[in-house]
């Protein structure tokens, strides 16, 4: 049975929410770790896409 204390004001169950479970933050951390491990910063410097113009600032 789901914990009734985890029902938010929006009416949804917090236990299923990505904010409550932290899954988005965990995936973001893992992606950043993988990009660093593969030296993506160097690759982003030579990619001709404007989306990577400020990648070094991250």
N, C-alpha and C. Protein backbone atom coordinates (compact mmCIF):
# COMPACT_ATOMS: atom_id res chain seq x y z
N UNK A 1 0.84 -1.18 0.00
CA UNK A 1 0.00 0.00 0.00
C UNK A 1 0.89 1.25 0.00
N UNK A 2 0.53 2.21 -0.81
CA UNK A 2 1.29 3.44 -0.90
C UNK A 2 1.08 4.30 0.34
N UNK A 3 2.11 5.01 0.75
CA UNK A 3 2.06 5.88 1.91
C UNK A 3 1.22 7.11 1.60
N UNK A 4 0.13 7.31 2.32
CA UNK A 4 -0.76 8.43 2.07
C UNK A 4 -0.09 9.77 2.35
N UNK A 5 0.99 9.77 3.13
CA UNK A 5 1.72 11.00 3.41
C UNK A 5 2.50 11.49 2.19
N UNK A 6 2.63 10.64 1.20
CA UNK A 6 3.37 11.01 0.00
C UNK A 6 2.46 11.48 -1.14
N UNK A 7 1.22 11.82 -0.82
CA UNK A 7 0.32 12.39 -1.81
C UNK A 7 0.47 13.91 -1.73
N UNK A 8 0.90 14.50 -2.84
CA UNK A 8 1.19 15.94 -2.87
C UNK A 8 -0.07 16.76 -3.06
N UNK A 9 0.07 18.07 -2.93
CA UNK A 9 -1.04 18.98 -3.12
C UNK A 9 -1.60 18.89 -4.53
N UNK A 10 -0.76 18.45 -5.47
CA UNK A 10 -1.22 18.32 -6.86
C UNK A 10 -2.10 17.09 -7.04
N UNK A 11 -2.12 16.21 -6.03
CA UNK A 11 -2.95 15.02 -6.10
C UNK A 11 -2.21 13.79 -6.59
N UNK A 12 -0.96 13.96 -6.99
CA UNK A 12 -0.18 12.83 -7.48
C UNK A 12 0.62 12.21 -6.34
N UNK A 13 1.00 10.97 -6.53
CA UNK A 13 1.79 10.23 -5.54
C UNK A 13 3.27 10.55 -5.71
N UNK A 14 3.88 11.16 -4.69
CA UNK A 14 5.29 11.59 -4.75
C UNK A 14 6.25 10.43 -5.00
N UNK A 15 5.92 9.26 -4.53
CA UNK A 15 6.80 8.10 -4.70
C UNK A 15 7.06 7.75 -6.15
N UNK A 16 6.19 8.20 -7.05
CA UNK A 16 6.37 7.94 -8.48
C UNK A 16 7.00 9.11 -9.22
N UNK A 17 7.20 10.21 -8.54
CA UNK A 17 7.67 11.44 -9.18
C UNK A 17 9.19 11.44 -9.31
N UNK A 18 9.67 11.88 -10.46
CA UNK A 18 11.13 11.93 -10.67
C UNK A 18 11.80 12.90 -9.71
N UNK A 19 11.10 13.92 -9.26
CA UNK A 19 11.70 14.84 -8.29
C UNK A 19 11.91 14.16 -6.94
N UNK A 20 10.97 13.35 -6.54
CA UNK A 20 11.07 12.67 -5.24
C UNK A 20 12.10 11.55 -5.28
N UNK A 21 12.10 10.80 -6.36
CA UNK A 21 13.01 9.65 -6.43
C UNK A 21 14.43 10.05 -6.76
N UNK A 22 14.61 11.24 -7.35
CA UNK A 22 15.95 11.70 -7.70
C UNK A 22 16.51 11.08 -8.96
N UNK A 23 15.67 10.41 -9.74
CA UNK A 23 16.17 9.69 -10.91
C UNK A 23 16.76 10.63 -11.96
N UNK A 24 16.19 11.81 -12.16
CA UNK A 24 16.74 12.75 -13.14
C UNK A 24 18.13 13.21 -12.69
N UNK A 25 18.27 13.57 -11.43
CA UNK A 25 19.57 14.01 -10.92
C UNK A 25 20.61 12.89 -11.02
N UNK A 26 20.21 11.68 -10.73
CA UNK A 26 21.14 10.55 -10.82
C UNK A 26 21.59 10.32 -12.25
N UNK A 27 20.65 10.37 -13.19
CA UNK A 27 20.99 10.17 -14.59
C UNK A 27 21.88 11.29 -15.11
N UNK A 28 21.61 12.51 -14.68
CA UNK A 28 22.42 13.65 -15.09
C UNK A 28 23.85 13.51 -14.58
N UNK A 29 24.00 13.11 -13.33
CA UNK A 29 25.33 12.89 -12.76
C UNK A 29 26.08 11.81 -13.54
N UNK A 30 25.38 10.72 -13.85
CA UNK A 30 26.01 9.62 -14.59
C UNK A 30 26.42 10.05 -15.99
N UNK A 31 25.57 10.86 -16.66
CA UNK A 31 25.90 11.35 -17.99
C UNK A 31 27.13 12.24 -17.95
N UNK A 32 27.17 13.15 -16.98
CA UNK A 32 28.32 14.05 -16.85
C UNK A 32 29.61 13.26 -16.61
N UNK A 33 29.52 12.24 -15.76
CA UNK A 33 30.68 11.40 -15.48
C UNK A 33 31.16 10.69 -16.75
N UNK A 34 30.22 10.19 -17.53
CA UNK A 34 30.56 9.49 -18.77
C UNK A 34 31.16 10.44 -19.80
N UNK A 35 30.61 11.65 -19.92
CA UNK A 35 31.17 12.63 -20.85
C UNK A 35 32.59 13.02 -20.47
N UNK A 36 32.84 13.16 -19.18
CA UNK A 36 34.19 13.49 -18.73
C UNK A 36 35.16 12.33 -18.97
N UNK A 37 34.69 11.13 -18.72
CA UNK A 37 35.54 9.95 -18.91
C UNK A 37 35.96 9.80 -20.37
N UNK A 38 35.07 10.17 -21.27
CA UNK A 38 35.35 10.06 -22.70
C UNK A 38 35.90 11.35 -23.31
N UNK A 39 36.26 12.31 -22.44
CA UNK A 39 36.87 13.57 -22.88
C UNK A 39 36.02 14.27 -23.94
N UNK A 40 34.72 14.37 -23.67
CA UNK A 40 33.81 15.00 -24.61
C UNK A 40 34.11 16.49 -24.77
N UNK A 41 34.71 17.10 -23.77
CA UNK A 41 35.04 18.53 -23.85
C UNK A 41 35.89 18.83 -25.07
N UNK A 42 36.88 17.98 -25.32
CA UNK A 42 37.75 18.18 -26.48
C UNK A 42 36.98 18.00 -27.78
N UNK A 43 36.08 17.06 -27.81
CA UNK A 43 35.27 16.83 -29.01
C UNK A 43 34.32 17.99 -29.26
N UNK A 44 33.74 18.53 -28.20
CA UNK A 44 32.80 19.64 -28.33
C UNK A 44 33.46 20.89 -28.89
N UNK A 45 34.76 21.05 -28.65
CA UNK A 45 35.49 22.22 -29.14
C UNK A 45 35.57 22.26 -30.66
N UNK A 46 35.54 21.12 -31.31
CA UNK A 46 35.67 21.07 -32.77
C UNK A 46 34.36 20.78 -33.49
N UNK A 47 33.28 20.57 -32.74
CA UNK A 47 31.99 20.31 -33.38
C UNK A 47 31.39 21.61 -33.90
N UNK A 48 30.87 21.59 -35.11
CA UNK A 48 30.36 22.82 -35.73
C UNK A 48 28.92 23.14 -35.35
N UNK A 49 28.55 22.92 -34.10
CA UNK A 49 27.18 23.18 -33.66
C UNK A 49 27.20 24.27 -32.60
N UNK A 50 26.34 25.26 -32.75
CA UNK A 50 26.31 26.37 -31.80
C UNK A 50 25.94 25.92 -30.39
N UNK A 51 25.27 24.79 -30.25
CA UNK A 51 24.88 24.28 -28.94
C UNK A 51 26.09 23.95 -28.06
N UNK A 52 27.24 23.73 -28.69
CA UNK A 52 28.45 23.38 -27.95
C UNK A 52 29.38 24.57 -27.74
N UNK A 53 28.98 25.76 -28.16
CA UNK A 53 29.85 26.94 -28.04
C UNK A 53 30.30 27.21 -26.61
N UNK A 54 29.45 26.99 -25.65
CA UNK A 54 29.78 27.29 -24.25
C UNK A 54 29.92 26.02 -23.40
N UNK A 55 30.18 24.91 -24.04
CA UNK A 55 30.28 23.64 -23.31
C UNK A 55 31.39 23.69 -22.26
N UNK A 56 32.49 24.36 -22.55
CA UNK A 56 33.62 24.43 -21.63
C UNK A 56 33.26 25.13 -20.32
N UNK A 57 32.17 25.92 -20.33
CA UNK A 57 31.75 26.62 -19.12
C UNK A 57 30.96 25.75 -18.15
N UNK A 58 30.58 24.57 -18.58
CA UNK A 58 29.77 23.70 -17.71
C UNK A 58 30.60 23.01 -16.67
